[in-house]
Amino acid sequence: MSNEPPFVVSRPLPNAVIYDLSQPGQVQITLQSSSQWSSGLHWHEDHVEFLKVMKGSINVRLGQAHHTITATRDHQPEIRVDRYIWHEWKRAQEDGEVIVIERTDPDDGQKALFFWNLNGVILDAPNILQRSTLAFLPSITHRMFTNLLVTINLWVIFYHLDNVPVVLNLPSLYHGDSADFPVVLTRIDWIFSRGLLILANYVGKVLGLEAVNDRYTPAAAYEQWHNTEGQERGKLRLA
């Protein structure tokens, strides 16, 4: 590659965020005042995740529990998120800068790969259609199919880099007293999200969409991913 992707990636308001990928083994995420960015509700199956609040306050959902975590000058709390635990975080207050460091166990580099390629697809959206097998489509349909391709490509990334979005969130709709029914609803969510990931990955292959793209990934990280058969190692387990 002639131009290496940046190690600091930013996106504008309303979901303004800065991802600092310059330190191995971690990603530093900075939210400016009034940013509406959220991690989205999701879970991981191959990694334990740690969120360390370096500055400001965040609202964190862990399973069905909600917490507000605040950093001080003398204390920067770190939250452990175990495998299969639904979680989401965002800023707790409208004003003030928020800084959170994300890392995983195992530390296999997938966290950085995820953010390089996620942001690469989002920021490169206007060009994705022209490089796909759908480039022949009439220009009047380009916007619709660009949005579709971006969504599919993001789900291909989710599939290979251990990020399962919660799509339905059915337990949030139940307000009864049964302890067993929410478990059933969670299982339905699990099946639905996994089914969408498998479908998106299949469609993505047909359309030539990649989880780890050399346009968005530094050469060394891209080479390591492929040399270690990362696509197979990082693929979500189907069992």
Protein backbone atom coordinates (compact mmCIF):
# COMPACT_ATOMS: atom_id res chain seq x y z
CA MET A 1 0.00 0.00 0.00
CA SER A 2 1.28 3.45 -0.87
CA ASN A 3 -0.72 5.29 1.78
CA GLU A 4 -0.94 3.74 5.23
CA PRO A 5 -4.27 4.18 7.04
CA PRO A 6 -4.05 6.56 10.01
CA PHE A 7 -3.59 5.31 13.55
CA VAL A 8 -5.97 8.02 14.77
CA VAL A 9 -9.41 7.93 13.15
CA SER A 10 -12.14 10.51 13.75
CA ARG A 11 -15.78 10.87 12.79
CA PRO A 12 -17.84 14.09 12.95
CA LEU A 13 -20.93 15.11 14.90
CA PRO A 14 -23.56 14.11 15.79
CA ASN A 15 -21.75 10.85 16.61
CA ALA A 16 -18.34 12.48 16.96
CA VAL A 17 -15.65 10.08 18.11
CA ILE A 18 -11.87 9.74 17.93
CA TYR A 19 -10.26 6.29 17.90
CA ASP A 20 -6.57 6.25 18.84
CA LEU A 21 -5.11 2.96 17.60
CA SER A 22 -1.48 3.91 18.07
CA GLN A 23 -0.84 1.83 21.20
CA PRO A 24 -0.69 -1.96 20.73
CA GLY A 25 -3.20 -3.92 22.77
CA GLN A 26 -5.70 -1.13 23.30
CA VAL A 27 -7.95 1.41 21.62
CA GLN A 28 -8.49 4.82 23.20
CA ILE A 29 -11.93 6.26 22.43
CA THR A 30 -12.58 9.97 22.93
CA LEU A 31 -16.02 11.57 22.84
CA GLN A 32 -16.29 15.33 22.64
CA SER A 33 -19.04 17.34 24.30
CA SER A 34 -22.53 16.72 22.90
CA SER A 35 -21.46 13.61 20.97
CA GLN A 36 -24.33 11.14 20.65
CA TRP A 37 -21.99 8.20 19.99
CA SER A 38 -22.85 4.85 21.54
CA SER A 39 -21.13 1.49 21.29
CA GLY A 40 -24.48 -0.11 20.53
CA LEU A 41 -25.82 -3.10 22.43
CA HIS A 42 -23.76 -6.19 21.57
CA TRP A 43 -21.80 -9.11 22.96
CA HIS A 44 -18.53 -10.97 22.32
CA GLU A 45 -18.04 -14.72 22.18
CA ASP A 46 -14.26 -15.11 21.92
CA HIS A 47 -13.01 -12.23 24.05
CA VAL A 48 -13.35 -10.78 27.54
CA GLU A 49 -13.46 -7.00 27.20
CA PHE A 50 -12.22 -4.33 29.60
CA LEU A 51 -13.39 -0.70 29.61
CA LYS A 52 -11.21 1.73 31.53
CA VAL A 53 -12.72 5.16 32.11
CA MET A 54 -9.88 7.67 31.95
CA LYS A 55 -11.90 10.89 31.91
CA GLY A 56 -15.53 11.90 32.38
CA SER A 57 -18.56 9.73 33.10
CA ILE A 58 -20.20 6.95 31.11
CA ASN A 59 -23.44 5.03 31.32
CA VAL A 60 -22.82 1.30 30.98
CA ARG A 61 -25.30 -1.49 30.49
CA LEU A 62 -24.06 -4.93 31.58
CA GLY A 63 -26.67 -7.59 30.99
CA GLN A 64 -29.85 -6.08 32.38
CA ALA A 65 -28.06 -3.82 34.89
CA HIS A 66 -27.24 -0.17 34.30
CA HIS A 67 -24.33 1.69 35.90
CA THR A 68 -22.79 5.16 35.81
CA ILE A 69 -19.00 5.03 35.99
CA THR A 70 -16.97 8.19 36.64
CA ALA A 71 -13.24 8.78 36.47
CA THR A 72 -11.44 11.12 38.84
CA ARG A 73 -7.91 12.44 38.86
CA ASP A 74 -6.93 9.75 41.35
CA HIS A 75 -9.05 6.87 40.14
CA GLN A 76 -9.74 5.53 36.65
CA PRO A 77 -12.09 2.55 37.11
CA GLU A 78 -11.96 -0.45 34.79
CA ILE A 79 -14.99 -2.60 34.00
CA ARG A 80 -14.76 -6.27 33.00
CA VAL A 81 -17.23 -7.55 30.41
CA ASP A 82 -17.30 -11.33 30.21
CA ARG A 83 -18.05 -13.36 27.10
CA TYR A 84 -21.71 -13.46 26.02
CA ILE A 85 -22.67 -10.55 28.31
CA TRP A 86 -24.81 -7.95 26.54
CA HIS A 87 -23.24 -4.53 26.98
CA GLU A 88 -23.31 -0.96 25.74
CA TRP A 89 -21.69 2.27 26.82
CA LYS A 90 -22.08 5.97 26.04
CA ARG A 91 -21.42 9.31 27.69
CA ALA A 92 -23.41 9.98 30.87
CA GLN A 93 -23.54 13.77 30.60
CA GLU A 94 -23.97 16.03 27.60
CA ASP A 95 -21.00 18.26 28.41
CA GLY A 96 -17.36 17.42 28.93
CA GLU A 97 -14.87 15.19 27.20
CA VAL A 98 -15.02 11.43 27.78
CA ILE A 99 -12.04 9.11 27.32
CA VAL A 100 -12.31 5.32 27.57
CA ILE A 101 -9.66 2.70 26.82
CA GLU A 102 -10.90 -0.61 25.46
CA ARG A 103 -8.81 -3.79 25.51
CA THR A 104 -9.48 -7.52 25.28
CA ASP A 105 -8.32 -10.85 26.60
CA PRO A 106 -6.93 -12.50 24.56
CA ASP A 107 -5.01 -9.57 23.16
CA ASP A 108 -4.91 -10.78 19.56
CA GLY A 109 -5.13 -7.46 17.70
CA GLN A 110 -8.74 -7.93 16.65
CA LYS A 111 -9.92 -4.84 18.55
CA ALA A 112 -7.77 -2.54 16.39
CA LEU A 113 -8.65 -4.45 13.22
CA PHE A 114 -12.31 -4.03 14.07
CA PHE A 115 -12.12 -0.25 14.43
CA TRP A 116 -9.84 0.28 11.41
CA ASN A 117 -12.25 -1.57 9.16
CA LEU A 118 -15.50 -0.39 10.76
CA ASN A 119 -14.50 3.24 10.34
CA GLY A 120 -12.93 2.57 6.96
CA VAL A 121 -16.23 1.29 5.61
CA ILE A 122 -18.27 4.12 7.16
CA LEU A 123 -15.96 6.89 5.99
CA ASP A 124 -15.42 5.32 2.56
CA ALA A 125 -19.11 4.68 1.93
CA PRO A 126 -19.40 6.79 -1.28
CA ASN A 127 -16.80 4.59 -3.02
CA ILE A 128 -17.90 1.14 -1.88
CA LEU A 129 -20.52 0.60 -4.57
CA GLN A 130 -18.10 1.40 -7.39
CA ARG A 131 -15.74 -1.34 -6.23
CA SER A 132 -18.45 -3.98 -5.77
CA THR A 133 -20.11 -6.37 -8.18
CA LEU A 134 -23.10 -3.97 -8.21
CA ALA A 135 -21.21 -1.09 -9.86
CA PHE A 136 -23.22 -1.58 -13.06
CA LEU A 137 -26.46 -0.40 -11.41
CA PRO A 138 -28.04 2.87 -12.68
CA SER A 139 -26.98 5.99 -10.80
CA ILE A 140 -30.51 6.65 -9.52
CA THR A 141 -30.23 3.57 -7.31
CA HIS A 142 -26.71 4.23 -6.03
CA ARG A 143 -27.63 5.81 -2.71
CA MET A 144 -30.00 3.00 -1.74
CA PHE A 145 -27.54 0.26 -2.70
CA THR A 146 -24.62 2.09 -1.11
CA ASN A 147 -26.45 2.08 2.24
CA LEU A 148 -27.24 -1.60 1.76
CA LEU A 149 -23.63 -2.49 0.93
CA VAL A 150 -22.29 -0.53 3.89
CA THR A 151 -24.68 -2.36 6.23
CA ILE A 152 -23.74 -5.77 4.81
CA ASN A 153 -20.03 -4.94 4.98
CA LEU A 154 -20.34 -3.87 8.61
CA TRP A 155 -22.04 -7.17 9.43
CA VAL A 156 -19.27 -9.08 7.65
CA ILE A 157 -16.85 -7.27 9.97
CA PHE A 158 -19.03 -8.16 12.97
CA TYR A 159 -19.06 -11.82 11.89
CA HIS A 160 -15.30 -12.19 11.59
CA LEU A 161 -14.18 -9.88 14.41
CA ASP A 162 -16.31 -11.14 17.30
CA ASN A 163 -18.96 -8.45 17.64
CA VAL A 164 -22.57 -9.67 17.77
CA PRO A 165 -25.16 -6.86 17.70
CA VAL A 166 -28.38 -7.23 19.67
CA VAL A 167 -31.01 -6.55 17.03
CA LEU A 168 -34.37 -7.32 18.63
CA ASN A 169 -33.66 -6.80 22.35
CA LEU A 170 -36.80 -8.78 23.19
CA PRO A 171 -36.21 -8.96 26.98
CA SER A 172 -36.68 -5.19 27.17
CA LEU A 173 -40.29 -5.67 26.02
CA TYR A 174 -41.16 -8.07 28.84
CA HIS A 175 -42.33 -6.64 32.17
CA GLY A 176 -43.76 -9.75 33.83
CA ASP A 177 -42.63 -11.68 36.89
CA SER A 178 -41.37 -14.88 35.28
CA ALA A 179 -37.65 -15.49 35.65
CA ASP A 180 -37.60 -18.03 32.83
CA PHE A 181 -39.34 -16.11 30.05
CA PRO A 182 -36.59 -13.47 29.65
CA VAL A 183 -34.13 -16.34 29.18
CA VAL A 184 -36.26 -17.64 26.31
CA LEU A 185 -36.42 -14.16 24.77
CA THR A 186 -32.65 -13.79 25.07
CA ARG A 187 -32.21 -17.10 23.27
CA ILE A 188 -34.45 -15.87 20.44
CA ASP A 189 -32.29 -12.74 20.20
CA TRP A 190 -29.18 -14.93 20.06
CA ILE A 191 -30.58 -17.05 17.22
CA PHE A 192 -31.81 -14.02 15.27
CA SER A 193 -28.53 -12.07 15.54
CA ARG A 194 -26.41 -15.09 14.67
CA GLY A 195 -28.65 -15.91 11.72
CA LEU A 196 -28.28 -12.38 10.35
CA LEU A 197 -24.50 -12.57 10.74
CA ILE A 198 -24.31 -15.85 8.83
CA LEU A 199 -26.57 -14.51 6.08
CA ALA A 200 -24.64 -11.23 5.81
CA ASN A 201 -21.34 -13.07 5.61
CA TYR A 202 -22.63 -15.28 2.78
CA VAL A 203 -24.02 -12.30 0.83
CA GLY A 204 -20.81 -10.38 1.50
CA LYS A 205 -18.75 -13.14 -0.09
CA VAL A 206 -20.91 -13.02 -3.21
CA LEU A 207 -20.50 -9.23 -3.38
CA GLY A 208 -16.75 -9.33 -2.74
CA LEU A 209 -16.92 -7.59 0.65
CA GLU A 210 -14.13 -8.23 3.16
CA ALA A 211 -13.95 -8.08 6.94
CA VAL A 212 -10.31 -6.95 6.89
CA ASN A 213 -9.52 -4.78 3.89
CA ASP A 214 -6.04 -3.61 2.94
CA ARG A 215 -7.47 -0.17 2.09
CA TYR A 216 -8.35 0.41 5.74
CA THR A 217 -5.73 -1.67 7.57
CA PRO A 218 -2.01 -0.89 8.05
CA ALA A 219 0.15 -3.27 6.02
CA ALA A 220 1.74 -5.04 8.99
CA ALA A 221 -1.60 -5.71 10.68
CA TYR A 222 -3.18 -6.81 7.41
CA GLU A 223 -0.32 -9.21 6.67
CA GLN A 224 -0.42 -10.64 10.19
CA TRP A 225 -4.17 -11.23 9.94
CA HIS A 226 -3.82 -13.25 6.76
CA ASN A 227 -0.55 -14.99 7.62
CA THR A 228 -2.07 -16.38 10.83
CA GLU A 229 -5.26 -17.42 9.02
CA GLY A 230 -7.09 -14.79 11.01
CA GLN A 231 -10.25 -15.07 8.98
CA GLU A 232 -10.80 -18.63 10.17
CA ARG A 233 -9.46 -18.05 13.68
CA GLY A 234 -11.61 -14.98 14.20
CA LYS A 235 -14.79 -16.42 12.76
CA LEU A 236 -17.68 -16.72 15.19
CA ARG A 237 -18.26 -20.25 16.40
CA LEU A 238 -21.41 -21.77 14.97
CA ALA A 239 -21.90 -24.32 17.75
